[in-house]
């Protein structure tokens, strides 16, 4: 078989190889899980694509998808690809004005919407979208003029099937350098830019990823990150279908723990925040138990981490330590494994740096987290840790076919088939990002370790330069703070200041229990302003940072009572903190802290 070079080739090869009774997709409705086989997926995709052509949608048109993860998202995506269109995924959490910006900038001619809420955003700005001709809703029964239900579109396509005998041939014939998707960056600064990714960009990345990590038909994954994000799109969508892995759509982020227990996945892709929360909850549960329970937990963790350090270093493990590890698994870690369904082979972490402490703990617990690295502009995968030899604190070696080098200032540069065509209608920004030799400038600072694994130390633009000229990489420091059971979130600031400070969002439940245990009286719900609580939080934060250089140590902390959210504009849809937004919102309190 020829190596696939387009996403349509990947799709047709997968549905042909796995078209029997196995589930390609699985979703929960009415309290039970339902399967969609590869054969049924192929049928719905074909009829949706033909329906689009019958509406007058042409190859090369841009088609937006505004929806949370669901089978309809996958059907719409593959219908766009096999109709030789390029789709534009839009986060369903975005407000109407940002949706309008993306639809207008991309010159979208048709849009798939999940439900009435997403439809409302489109209708609100429809008058300002002259290119938009068609709206298709996943939710049926919406009686709005010029809005078609997805099943109606599929019926139109089914009726016209005999008129399109060359559907597959046309879809397979798409050029490898044809635009497959236009993905808008999260926009932590300024307006988002449309990243142009070709069929070959993403297909090469799918095949490179599968060379490093073995995934197959016996696996089952839980899809919880937004499909609008390139990480879930490439790894949790295209890779999984190509490998024959069943994709299970989580009902919501809140339902992820319950869904894990129900479908018992073998693979889960996530961002570090999920692992931070699990780790914090494990520590909290251990500390809330009896003195005996606490001793057992910390003995088990210490034993498992000694075992993990030897195993990762390739050294032999004594019989005695092996027996102790088995006891630790039975007493402590089996419970954590059970909470994740009991079948996890590995997690994959991306989107932001993962704390080495958390990675080491999960590896020791028998649930490895494979940290990877990439950007929307690189389809996204640049590097990932292999399952057989991960190295904590790194994002692994570059995947096959991907070149990496570091500029004199430490910025990571990459070149290869994974690098985007450019930013849509932004030639200047494209030439600034991709140099004349084809190297894409990532904006991340890093280095190779002794084994040519890549270590990312921070974002170039996030580096804090103090008034004294000292450079501080904030993300590793923030990650340390976020491992504390009393802390939900942390942001370090201090650029052009005499010293850095740390903004911390406490976990109010954990703090409340601490206060109750000490019989601290709280008046009028002012828990976080109580002097004893504030002092405890400062001790906890500073205690996590004892071995930092003096100039790296935050000199003060600012307690932030409300966690950062997507709705407030402080987080991107992939949960990255928008530092400039947070700093602007808290400017008055920050200035007051520096004045004290």
Protein backbone atom coordinates (compact mmCIF):
# COMPACT_ATOMS: atom_id res chain seq x y z
CA UNK A 1 0.00 0.00 0.00
CA UNK A 2 1.27 3.50 -0.88
CA UNK A 3 1.96 5.80 2.06
CA UNK A 4 -1.06 8.11 2.45
CA UNK A 5 -0.35 11.77 1.74
CA UNK A 6 -3.81 13.24 2.32
CA UNK A 7 -6.44 13.10 5.04
CA UNK A 8 -8.99 11.72 2.58
CA UNK A 9 -6.71 8.79 1.86
CA UNK A 10 -6.31 8.20 5.60
CA UNK A 11 -10.09 8.29 6.04
CA UNK A 12 -11.03 5.91 3.24
CA UNK A 13 -8.23 3.47 4.14
CA UNK A 14 -9.46 3.39 7.77
CA UNK A 15 -13.17 2.87 7.04
CA UNK A 16 -12.29 0.12 4.54
CA UNK A 17 -9.94 -1.69 6.91
CA UNK A 18 -12.24 -1.48 9.95
CA UNK A 19 -15.69 -1.44 8.36
CA UNK A 20 -17.12 -4.52 10.10
CA UNK A 21 -18.95 -4.32 13.44
CA UNK A 22 -16.32 -2.46 15.43
CA UNK A 23 -17.11 0.98 16.82
CA UNK A 24 -15.30 3.91 15.23
CA UNK A 25 -17.10 6.44 17.44
CA UNK A 26 -19.03 6.09 20.67
CA UNK A 27 -21.28 8.65 22.37
CA UNK A 28 -23.63 8.74 25.35
CA UNK A 29 -27.29 9.56 24.93
CA UNK A 30 -30.29 8.79 27.11
CA UNK A 31 -28.06 7.36 29.82
CA UNK A 32 -26.36 4.72 27.64
CA UNK A 33 -23.46 4.54 25.20
CA UNK A 34 -24.11 4.09 21.47
CA UNK A 35 -21.73 2.91 18.74
CA UNK A 36 -21.17 4.20 15.22
CA UNK A 37 -19.29 1.66 13.12
CA UNK A 38 -16.74 2.59 10.49
CA UNK A 39 -19.19 1.50 7.81
CA UNK A 40 -21.95 3.74 9.19
CA UNK A 41 -19.51 6.63 9.62
CA UNK A 42 -18.44 6.32 5.97
CA UNK A 43 -22.08 6.33 4.84
CA UNK A 44 -23.02 9.44 6.80
CA UNK A 45 -19.86 11.26 5.71
CA UNK A 46 -20.46 10.48 2.04
CA UNK A 47 -24.08 11.60 2.12
CA UNK A 48 -23.25 14.78 4.06
CA UNK A 49 -20.49 15.61 1.54
CA UNK A 50 -22.82 14.98 -1.41
CA UNK A 51 -25.49 17.08 0.29
CA UNK A 52 -22.99 19.94 0.51
CA UNK A 53 -22.22 19.65 -3.20
CA UNK A 54 -25.95 19.61 -3.98
CA UNK A 55 -26.32 22.90 -2.07
CA UNK A 56 -23.77 24.45 -4.39
CA UNK A 57 -20.80 24.35 -2.04
CA UNK A 58 -17.67 24.10 -4.17
CA UNK A 59 -14.27 22.46 -3.67
CA UNK A 60 -11.96 24.95 -1.96
CA UNK A 61 -14.76 26.65 -0.01
CA UNK A 62 -14.21 27.34 3.70
CA UNK A 63 -16.72 25.62 6.01
CA UNK A 64 -16.83 26.45 9.73
CA UNK A 65 -17.70 24.00 12.53
CA UNK A 66 -18.87 25.51 15.84
CA UNK A 67 -19.48 22.64 18.24
CA UNK A 68 -18.25 20.69 21.22
CA UNK A 69 -16.87 17.20 20.61
CA UNK A 70 -19.47 14.79 19.26
CA UNK A 71 -19.92 12.32 16.36
CA UNK A 72 -21.51 15.07 14.27
CA UNK A 73 -18.26 17.07 14.53
CA UNK A 74 -16.35 14.14 13.03
CA UNK A 75 -18.98 13.63 10.31
CA UNK A 76 -18.89 17.32 9.36
CA UNK A 77 -15.09 17.38 9.29
CA UNK A 78 -14.73 14.32 7.06
CA UNK A 79 -17.61 15.53 4.86
CA UNK A 80 -15.74 18.81 4.30
CA UNK A 81 -12.51 16.98 3.49
CA UNK A 82 -14.10 14.50 1.08
CA UNK A 83 -16.02 17.33 -0.61
CA UNK A 84 -12.54 18.89 -1.12
CA UNK A 85 -13.36 21.86 1.11
CA UNK A 86 -11.30 23.31 3.98
CA UNK A 87 -12.94 23.49 7.37
CA UNK A 88 -12.57 26.18 10.00
CA UNK A 89 -13.03 24.82 13.55
CA UNK A 90 -14.36 27.37 16.04
CA UNK A 91 -14.36 26.93 19.81
CA UNK A 92 -17.97 26.79 21.05
CA UNK A 93 -16.90 28.76 24.13
CA UNK A 94 -16.07 31.86 22.07
CA UNK A 95 -18.42 34.86 22.33
CA UNK A 96 -20.38 36.04 19.28
CA UNK A 97 -17.98 38.88 18.39
CA UNK A 98 -15.00 36.50 18.20
CA UNK A 99 -17.02 33.99 16.19
CA UNK A 100 -17.91 36.79 13.77
CA UNK A 101 -14.23 37.78 13.44
CA UNK A 102 -13.19 34.23 12.51
CA UNK A 103 -16.07 33.63 10.08
CA UNK A 104 -15.43 36.96 8.38
CA UNK A 105 -11.64 36.68 8.25
CA UNK A 106 -11.80 33.13 6.85
CA UNK A 107 -14.46 34.05 4.26
CA UNK A 108 -16.56 31.12 5.41
CA UNK A 109 -19.33 30.15 2.95
CA UNK A 110 -21.13 27.62 5.18
CA UNK A 111 -21.20 26.79 8.87
CA UNK A 112 -22.13 23.75 10.96
CA UNK A 113 -23.48 24.67 14.41
CA UNK A 114 -24.04 22.35 17.35
CA UNK A 115 -27.29 23.77 18.69
CA UNK A 116 -29.50 26.82 19.18
CA UNK A 117 -26.90 28.60 21.32
CA UNK A 118 -24.23 28.40 18.63
CA UNK A 119 -26.78 29.23 15.94
CA UNK A 120 -27.65 32.40 17.87
CA UNK A 121 -24.03 33.58 17.66
CA UNK A 122 -24.03 33.16 13.89
CA UNK A 123 -27.43 34.79 13.35
CA UNK A 124 -26.37 37.73 15.53
CA UNK A 125 -23.59 38.60 13.08
CA UNK A 126 -24.98 37.17 9.82
CA UNK A 127 -25.54 40.60 8.25
CA UNK A 128 -21.82 41.27 8.49
CA UNK A 129 -20.89 37.98 6.80
CA UNK A 130 -21.55 38.44 3.08
CA UNK A 131 -19.77 35.19 2.11
CA UNK A 132 -21.96 33.02 4.40
CA UNK A 133 -24.64 31.20 2.36
CA UNK A 134 -25.58 28.07 4.33
CA UNK A 135 -26.14 27.08 7.98
CA UNK A 136 -26.47 23.45 9.06
CA UNK A 137 -27.47 22.52 12.62
CA UNK A 138 -26.55 19.30 14.41
CA UNK A 139 -29.59 19.83 16.63
CA UNK A 140 -32.72 18.74 14.79
CA UNK A 141 -36.09 20.48 14.85
CA UNK A 142 -34.84 24.08 14.69
CA UNK A 143 -37.49 25.94 12.74
CA UNK A 144 -35.49 28.92 11.50
CA UNK A 145 -35.50 30.09 7.87
CA UNK A 146 -32.46 29.00 5.84
CA UNK A 147 -31.20 26.67 8.59
CA UNK A 148 -30.89 23.02 7.57
CA UNK A 149 -30.63 20.06 9.96
CA UNK A 150 -27.66 17.72 9.51
CA UNK A 151 -29.97 14.76 8.91
CA UNK A 152 -31.77 16.77 6.21
CA UNK A 153 -28.40 17.45 4.57
CA UNK A 154 -27.59 13.73 4.74
CA UNK A 155 -30.95 12.87 3.15
CA UNK A 156 -30.29 15.32 0.32
CA UNK A 157 -26.95 13.66 -0.29
CA UNK A 158 -28.39 10.15 -0.14
CA UNK A 159 -31.00 11.04 -2.76
CA UNK A 160 -28.27 12.37 -5.06
CA UNK A 161 -25.82 9.48 -4.58
CA UNK A 162 -26.40 8.05 -8.06
CA UNK A 163 -25.44 11.43 -9.56
CA UNK A 164 -21.98 11.33 -7.98
CA UNK A 165 -20.34 8.00 -8.92
CA UNK A 166 -16.93 9.66 -8.81
CA UNK A 167 -17.23 10.87 -5.17
CA UNK A 168 -14.40 8.72 -3.83
CA UNK A 169 -12.14 9.22 -6.84
CA UNK A 170 -12.51 12.99 -6.61
CA UNK A 171 -11.89 12.97 -2.87
CA UNK A 172 -8.79 10.78 -3.19
CA UNK A 173 -7.44 12.94 -5.99
CA UNK A 174 -7.11 16.06 -3.82
CA UNK A 175 -3.57 17.47 -3.96
CA UNK A 176 -1.43 16.82 -0.88
CA UNK A 177 -0.64 20.53 -0.65
CA UNK A 178 -4.31 21.53 -0.80
CA UNK A 179 -5.60 23.46 2.21
CA UNK A 180 -7.28 21.04 4.64
CA UNK A 181 -8.10 23.34 7.51
CA UNK A 182 -7.78 26.89 8.72
CA UNK A 183 -7.22 26.86 12.50
CA UNK A 184 -7.26 30.14 14.38
CA UNK A 185 -4.69 30.49 17.13
CA UNK A 186 -5.92 31.02 20.68
CA UNK A 187 -4.85 34.63 20.62
CA UNK A 188 -3.15 35.15 24.01
CA UNK A 189 -2.11 38.49 22.50
CA UNK A 190 -4.08 40.35 19.83
CA UNK A 191 -6.51 38.93 17.29
CA UNK A 192 -6.19 35.25 16.40
CA UNK A 193 -4.43 34.37 13.14
CA UNK A 194 -5.68 31.72 10.73
CA UNK A 195 -3.09 28.93 10.45
CA UNK A 196 -3.19 27.26 7.02
CA UNK A 197 -2.56 23.51 7.33
CA UNK A 198 -2.50 21.28 4.27
CA UNK A 199 -3.53 17.66 3.90
CA UNK A 200 0.13 16.64 3.88
CA UNK A 201 1.01 18.79 6.90
CA UNK A 202 -1.39 16.85 9.13
CA UNK A 203 -1.06 13.44 7.43
CA UNK A 204 2.73 13.47 7.81
CA UNK A 205 2.23 14.32 11.49
CA UNK A 206 -0.24 11.45 12.00
CA UNK A 207 2.19 8.93 10.51
CA UNK A 208 5.16 10.36 12.44
CA UNK A 209 3.25 10.14 15.72
CA UNK A 210 2.33 6.51 15.10
CA UNK A 211 5.98 5.66 14.48
CA UNK A 212 6.76 6.75 18.03
CA UNK A 213 3.69 5.63 19.98
CA UNK A 214 2.00 2.31 19.26
CA UNK A 215 -1.78 2.70 19.11
CA UNK A 216 -4.15 0.16 17.57
CA UNK A 217 -7.61 -1.42 17.28
CA UNK A 218 -7.44 -2.82 20.82
CA UNK A 219 -7.25 0.69 22.24
CA UNK A 220 -10.08 2.96 23.31
CA UNK A 221 -9.63 6.69 23.87
CA UNK A 222 -11.68 9.31 25.68
CA UNK A 223 -12.05 12.53 23.68
CA UNK A 224 -12.25 15.47 26.09
CA UNK A 225 -10.05 18.26 24.72
CA UNK A 226 -11.79 20.52 22.17
CA UNK A 227 -11.61 19.20 18.62
CA UNK A 228 -11.20 22.83 17.61
CA UNK A 229 -7.68 22.54 19.06
CA UNK A 230 -5.07 21.02 16.77
CA UNK A 231 -3.73 18.63 19.46
CA UNK A 232 -7.02 16.78 19.90
CA UNK A 233 -7.79 17.11 16.19
CA UNK A 234 -4.60 15.42 14.99
CA UNK A 235 -3.95 12.99 17.85
CA UNK A 236 -7.42 12.27 19.24
CA UNK A 237 -9.28 12.33 15.93
CA UNK A 238 -7.13 11.53 12.86
CA UNK A 239 -4.58 9.26 14.56
CA UNK A 240 -7.26 7.30 16.41
CA UNK A 241 -9.40 6.65 13.33
CA UNK A 242 -6.37 5.68 11.24
CA UNK A 243 -5.22 3.26 13.98
CA UNK A 244 -8.69 1.70 14.38
CA UNK A 245 -8.99 2.97 17.96
CA UNK A 246 -12.52 3.61 19.25
CA UNK A 247 -13.12 7.30 20.00
CA UNK A 248 -15.44 7.89 22.98
CA UNK A 249 -16.78 11.43 23.37
CA UNK A 250 -16.86 12.70 26.93
CA UNK A 251 -20.22 14.23 27.88
CA UNK A 252 -18.48 17.27 29.36
CA UNK A 253 -15.36 18.16 31.34
CA UNK A 254 -17.39 17.73 34.55
CA UNK A 255 -18.37 14.20 33.52
CA UNK A 256 -14.84 13.05 32.62
CA UNK A 257 -14.28 11.09 35.89
CA UNK A 258 -17.63 9.28 35.48
CA UNK A 259 -17.05 8.66 31.76
CA UNK A 260 -13.61 7.20 32.49
CA UNK A 261 -15.21 4.69 34.83
CA UNK A 262 -17.88 3.79 32.27
CA UNK A 263 -15.84 3.32 29.11
CA UNK A 264 -12.52 2.37 30.75
CA UNK A 265 -10.23 3.96 28.13
CA UNK A 266 -6.68 2.85 27.44
CA UNK A 267 -5.54 6.27 26.18
CA UNK A 268 -6.48 9.81 27.20
CA UNK A 269 -5.09 13.05 25.79
CA UNK A 270 -5.24 16.09 28.03
CA UNK A 271 -3.60 19.30 29.14
CA UNK A 272 -1.59 19.47 32.40
CA UNK A 273 -4.45 21.02 34.34
CA UNK A 274 -6.32 17.67 34.48
CA UNK A 275 -3.27 15.92 35.92
CA UNK A 276 -2.65 18.77 38.36
CA UNK A 277 -6.19 18.41 39.67
CA UNK A 278 -5.97 14.62 39.99
CA UNK A 279 -2.62 14.91 41.80
CA UNK A 280 -3.93 17.60 44.16
CA UNK A 281 -7.01 15.48 44.93
CA UNK A 282 -4.86 12.41 45.68
CA UNK A 283 -2.70 14.44 48.09
CA UNK A 284 -5.74 15.99 49.70
CA UNK A 285 -7.39 12.61 50.27
CA UNK A 286 -4.21 11.24 51.79
CA UNK A 287 -3.85 14.19 54.16
CA UNK A 288 -7.50 14.02 55.17
CA UNK A 289 -7.14 10.44 56.38
CA UNK A 290 -5.89 9.06 59.66
CA UNK A 291 -2.25 9.25 60.70
CA UNK A 292 -1.84 5.60 59.64
CA UNK A 293 -3.38 6.29 56.23
CA UNK A 294 -1.01 9.24 55.72
CA UNK A 295 2.03 7.15 56.67
CA UNK A 296 0.98 4.40 54.27
CA UNK A 297 0.48 6.89 51.43
CA UNK A 298 3.84 8.63 51.83
CA UNK A 299 5.63 5.28 52.24
CA UNK A 300 3.96 4.03 49.06
CA UNK A 301 4.83 7.19 47.13
CA UNK A 302 8.45 7.11 48.29
CA UNK A 303 8.77 3.40 47.43
CA UNK A 304 7.17 3.79 44.00
CA UNK A 305 9.31 6.81 43.13
CA UNK A 306 12.52 4.93 44.08
CA UNK A 307 11.34 2.11 41.81
CA UNK A 308 10.49 4.61 39.03
CA UNK A 309 13.89 6.35 39.23
CA UNK A 310 15.72 3.04 38.80
CA UNK A 311 13.46 1.89 35.97
CA UNK A 312 13.75 5.19 34.09
CA UNK A 313 17.54 5.07 34.46
CA UNK A 314 17.59 1.52 33.05
CA UNK A 315 18.99 0.07 36.27
CA UNK A 316 18.10 -3.25 37.88
CA UNK A 317 15.46 -3.37 40.60
CA UNK A 318 16.08 -5.55 43.61
CA UNK A 319 13.63 -8.28 44.58
CA UNK A 320 12.94 -6.49 47.85
CA UNK A 321 12.08 -3.21 46.15
CA UNK A 322 9.93 -5.07 43.62
CA UNK A 323 7.92 -6.65 46.45
CA UNK A 324 7.53 -3.28 48.20
CA UNK A 325 6.35 -1.72 44.94
CA UNK A 326 3.73 -4.45 44.52
CA UNK A 327 2.48 -3.76 48.06
CA UNK A 328 2.39 -0.01 47.34
CA UNK A 329 0.37 -0.68 44.19
CA UNK A 330 -2.09 -2.82 46.11
CA UNK A 331 -2.54 -0.42 49.03
CA UNK A 332 -2.49 2.94 47.24
CA UNK A 333 -2.05 3.11 43.49
CA UNK A 334 -4.65 0.52 42.56
CA UNK A 335 -7.27 2.99 43.79
CA UNK A 336 -5.97 5.73 41.49
CA UNK A 337 -5.87 3.29 38.59
CA UNK A 338 -9.46 2.24 39.34
CA UNK A 339 -10.62 5.87 39.28
CA UNK A 340 -9.29 6.21 35.72
CA UNK A 341 -11.08 3.05 34.60
CA UNK A 342 -8.37 0.53 35.40
CA UNK A 343 -7.13 0.10 31.82
CA UNK A 344 -5.07 3.23 31.08
CA UNK A 345 -1.91 2.36 29.15
CA UNK A 346 -0.80 5.98 29.10
CA UNK A 347 -1.93 9.58 29.13
CA UNK A 348 -0.57 12.10 26.63
CA UNK A 349 -0.03 15.66 27.83
CA UNK A 350 0.33 18.72 25.62
CA UNK A 351 -0.63 22.35 25.28
CA UNK A 352 1.43 23.58 28.25
CA UNK A 353 4.41 22.42 30.36
CA UNK A 354 3.82 19.47 32.69
CA UNK A 355 5.42 19.54 36.13
CA UNK A 356 8.18 16.87 36.36
CA UNK A 357 6.96 16.09 39.90
CA UNK A 358 3.52 15.18 38.57
CA UNK A 359 4.95 13.18 35.66
CA UNK A 360 7.17 11.22 38.06
CA UNK A 361 4.25 10.50 40.42
CA UNK A 362 1.97 9.16 37.69
CA UNK A 363 4.77 7.04 36.22
CA UNK A 364 5.45 5.60 39.66
CA UNK A 365 1.71 4.92 40.02
CA UNK A 366 1.75 2.82 36.85
CA UNK A 367 -0.05 5.42 34.68
CA UNK A 368 2.65 7.07 32.56
CA UNK A 369 2.05 10.54 31.13
CA UNK A 370 3.83 11.02 27.81
CA UNK A 371 4.56 14.70 27.48
CA UNK A 372 4.73 16.05 23.95
CA UNK A 373 5.28 19.41 22.34
CA UNK A 374 4.01 21.30 19.33
CA UNK A 375 2.09 24.29 18.07
CA UNK A 376 -0.88 24.91 15.82
CA UNK A 377 1.59 26.07 13.15
CA UNK A 378 3.36 22.68 13.22
CA UNK A 379 0.32 20.43 12.78
CA UNK A 380 1.10 20.24 15.85
CA UNK A 381 3.57 17.52 16.81
CA UNK A 382 7.26 18.35 17.01
CA UNK A 383 8.35 15.97 19.78
CA UNK A 384 6.91 13.40 22.18
CA UNK A 385 8.27 11.06 24.84
CA UNK A 386 8.28 7.40 23.76
CA UNK A 387 6.44 5.02 26.09
CA UNK A 388 9.42 2.68 26.49
CA UNK A 389 11.88 5.42 27.51
CA UNK A 390 10.29 8.66 28.71
CA UNK A 391 12.42 11.31 30.37
CA UNK A 392 10.72 13.49 32.98
CA UNK A 393 11.07 17.22 32.46
CA UNK A 394 11.46 16.85 28.69
CA UNK A 395 9.02 16.69 25.78
CA UNK A 396 10.93 13.83 24.19
CA UNK A 397 13.00 13.69 20.98
CA UNK A 398 11.80 15.14 17.68
CA UNK A 399 9.46 12.77 15.83
CA UNK A 400 10.58 11.24 12.50
CA UNK A 401 10.80 13.69 9.63
CA UNK A 402 10.93 16.76 11.88
CA UNK A 403 14.09 18.88 12.14
CA UNK A 404 14.83 20.90 15.29
CA UNK A 405 17.62 23.30 16.15
CA UNK A 406 18.08 26.13 18.63
CA UNK A 407 18.88 29.74 17.75
CA UNK A 408 21.68 31.54 19.65
CA UNK A 409 19.10 33.02 22.06
CA UNK A 410 17.71 29.55 22.81
CA UNK A 411 14.58 29.79 20.65
CA UNK A 412 13.48 26.46 19.20
CA UNK A 413 13.31 26.40 15.39
CA UNK A 414 11.75 23.57 13.40
CA UNK A 415 11.57 22.58 9.74
CA UNK A 416 9.81 19.79 7.87
CA UNK A 417 6.54 18.63 6.28
CA UNK A 418 4.63 19.57 9.44
CA UNK A 419 5.20 23.34 9.11
CA UNK A 420 2.16 25.33 8.01
CA UNK A 421 1.73 27.04 4.65
CA UNK A 422 1.42 30.34 6.50
CA UNK A 423 -1.07 32.66 8.15
CA UNK A 424 -4.19 33.31 6.10
CA UNK A 425 -4.01 36.68 4.32
CA UNK A 426 -1.06 37.70 6.51
CA UNK A 427 2.08 37.62 4.40
CA UNK A 428 4.11 39.84 6.75
CA UNK A 429 3.36 37.71 9.82
CA UNK A 430 4.13 34.57 7.81
CA UNK A 431 7.56 35.84 6.72
CA UNK A 432 8.30 36.80 10.34
CA UNK A 433 7.45 33.29 11.53
CA UNK A 434 9.08 31.23 8.75
CA UNK A 435 12.52 32.33 7.59
CA UNK A 436 13.98 32.08 4.09
CA UNK A 437 15.41 28.62 4.83
CA UNK A 438 12.03 27.23 5.89
CA UNK A 439 12.67 27.26 9.66
CA UNK A 440 9.60 28.06 11.74
CA UNK A 441 10.40 30.20 14.80
CA UNK A 442 8.32 28.75 17.65
CA UNK A 443 8.78 31.50 20.24
CA UNK A 444 9.69 28.84 22.82
CA UNK A 445 12.99 28.71 24.66
CA UNK A 446 14.65 25.35 25.20
CA UNK A 447 17.63 23.04 24.79
CA UNK A 448 18.64 19.44 24.07
CA UNK A 449 19.59 17.21 26.99
CA UNK A 450 22.37 14.62 26.83
CA UNK A 451 20.08 12.17 24.98
CA UNK A 452 18.81 14.73 22.43
CA UNK A 453 15.47 14.95 24.22
CA UNK A 454 14.06 18.47 24.10
CA UNK A 455 13.57 20.57 27.22
CA UNK A 456 11.28 23.59 26.93
CA UNK A 457 12.02 26.17 29.58
CA UNK A 458 9.50 28.90 28.72
CA UNK A 459 7.80 31.05 26.12
CA UNK A 460 10.17 33.70 24.77
CA UNK A 461 7.55 36.42 25.28
CA UNK A 462 6.81 35.24 28.84
CA UNK A 463 10.39 35.55 30.09
CA UNK A 464 10.48 38.05 32.95
CA UNK A 465 13.40 40.49 32.86
CA UNK A 466 13.65 42.23 36.22
CA UNK A 467 14.74 45.84 36.66
CA UNK A 468 18.11 44.42 37.69
CA UNK A 469 18.47 42.63 34.34
CA UNK A 470 17.87 39.09 35.64
CA UNK A 471 15.97 36.69 33.35
CA UNK A 472 13.30 34.52 35.00
CA UNK A 473 11.36 31.71 33.28
CA UNK A 474 7.99 31.81 35.09
CA UNK A 475 6.28 28.63 33.90
CA UNK A 476 8.43 26.06 35.77
CA UNK A 477 8.05 28.14 38.93
CA UNK A 478 4.27 28.40 38.49
CA UNK A 479 4.08 24.65 37.93
CA UNK A 480 5.73 24.00 41.28
CA UNK A 481 3.20 26.21 43.04
CA UNK A 482 0.24 24.54 41.29
CA UNK A 483 1.21 21.14 42.70
CA UNK A 484 0.33 22.40 46.18
CA UNK A 485 -3.00 21.01 47.42
CA UNK A 486 -4.14 24.49 48.53
CA UNK A 487 -3.52 26.16 45.15
CA UNK A 488 -5.71 25.99 42.04
CA UNK A 489 -3.74 28.36 39.83
CA UNK A 490 -0.66 30.57 39.86
CA UNK A 491 0.75 33.33 37.67
CA UNK A 492 4.11 34.98 38.18
CA UNK A 493 4.69 38.59 37.12
CA UNK A 494 7.51 41.07 37.54
CA UNK A 495 8.75 42.17 34.12
CA UNK A 496 10.76 45.41 34.47
CA UNK A 497 10.06 45.37 38.23
CA UNK A 498 12.55 45.22 41.07
CA UNK A 499 11.35 41.71 42.01
CA UNK A 500 8.72 39.14 40.94
CA UNK A 501 5.46 38.43 42.75
CA UNK A 502 3.13 35.44 42.53
CA UNK A 503 -0.62 35.67 41.96
CA UNK A 504 -2.27 32.60 43.48
CA UNK A 505 -5.82 31.29 43.29
CA UNK A 506 -6.46 29.16 46.40
CA UNK A 507 -8.60 26.01 46.48
CA UNK A 508 -11.29 27.31 48.80
CA UNK A 509 -12.54 23.84 49.75
CA UNK A 510 -9.08 22.69 50.86
CA UNK A 511 -8.45 25.99 52.69
CA UNK A 512 -11.86 25.77 54.42
CA UNK A 513 -11.05 22.30 55.74
CA UNK A 514 -7.66 23.53 56.98
CA UNK A 515 -9.33 26.45 58.78
CA UNK A 516 -12.04 24.23 60.29
CA UNK A 517 -9.42 21.79 61.63
CA UNK A 518 -7.80 24.72 63.44
CA UNK A 519 -11.13 26.15 64.60
CA UNK A 520 -10.45 29.45 62.88
CA UNK A 521 -13.60 31.56 62.94
CA UNK A 522 -14.49 33.08 59.58
CA UNK A 523 -16.73 36.14 59.48
CA UNK A 524 -18.96 37.04 56.48
CA UNK A 525 -17.36 34.60 54.04
CA UNK A 526 -13.99 36.37 54.22
CA UNK A 527 -12.00 33.15 54.43
CA UNK A 528 -9.14 34.15 52.12
CA UNK A 529 -8.53 37.50 53.81
CA UNK A 530 -8.16 36.00 57.29
CA UNK A 531 -4.60 36.74 58.53
CA UNK A 532 -3.91 33.14 59.56
CA UNK A 533 -5.13 31.83 56.19
CA UNK A 534 -3.08 34.38 54.25
CA UNK A 535 0.00 33.49 56.28
CA UNK A 536 -0.54 29.77 55.70
CA UNK A 537 -0.89 30.28 51.93
CA UNK A 538 2.29 32.32 51.82
CA UNK A 539 4.16 29.59 53.73
CA UNK A 540 2.83 26.93 51.36
CA UNK A 541 3.82 28.88 48.24
CA UNK A 542 7.27 29.82 49.48
CA UNK A 543 7.87 26.32 50.82
CA UNK A 544 7.49 24.91 47.31
CA UNK A 545 10.18 27.30 46.03
CA UNK A 546 12.93 27.00 48.64
CA UNK A 547 15.73 26.05 46.23
CA UNK A 548 15.20 28.87 43.71
CA UNK A 549 17.86 31.49 43.13
CA UNK A 550 17.17 34.58 45.23
CA UNK A 551 16.26 36.71 42.20
CA UNK A 552 13.74 34.04 41.05
CA UNK A 553 11.95 33.88 44.39
CA UNK A 554 8.69 35.85 44.47
CA UNK A 555 8.97 38.37 47.27
CA UNK A 556 5.21 38.67 47.82
CA UNK A 557 2.03 36.84 46.94
CA UNK A 558 -1.32 38.25 45.88
CA UNK A 559 -4.32 36.09 46.76
CA UNK A 560 -6.86 36.05 43.89
CA UNK A 561 -10.26 34.91 45.12
CA UNK A 562 -11.82 33.94 41.76
CA UNK A 563 -10.15 31.40 39.50
CA UNK A 564 -9.37 32.44 35.95
CA UNK A 565 -11.98 31.37 33.38
CA UNK A 566 -12.54 31.23 29.64
CA UNK A 567 -15.73 33.29 29.94
CA UNK A 568 -13.90 36.15 31.67
CA UNK A 569 -11.27 36.18 28.94
CA UNK A 570 -8.41 35.23 31.31
CA UNK A 571 -7.96 31.74 29.81
CA UNK A 572 -7.75 30.62 26.22
CA UNK A 573 -10.08 27.74 25.21
CA UNK A 574 -7.13 25.41 25.90
CA UNK A 575 -6.80 26.77 29.46
CA UNK A 576 -3.64 28.82 28.92
CA UNK A 577 -3.54 31.94 31.07
CA UNK A 578 -3.68 35.23 29.18
CA UNK A 579 -1.11 36.99 31.33
CA UNK A 580 -1.79 40.45 29.94
CA UNK A 581 -5.53 40.12 30.66
CA UNK A 582 -4.93 38.88 34.23
CA UNK A 583 -2.37 41.60 34.92
CA UNK A 584 -4.67 44.28 33.54
CA UNK A 585 -7.67 43.08 35.58
CA UNK A 586 -5.65 43.02 38.80
CA UNK A 587 -3.52 46.11 38.02
CA UNK A 588 -4.71 48.12 41.01
CA UNK A 589 -4.01 45.36 43.54
CA UNK A 590 -0.67 44.56 41.92
CA UNK A 591 0.45 48.20 42.11
CA UNK A 592 -0.66 48.37 45.74
CA UNK A 593 1.40 45.26 46.54
CA UNK A 594 4.50 46.74 44.93
CA UNK A 595 4.01 50.01 46.82
CA UNK A 596 3.84 48.29 50.23
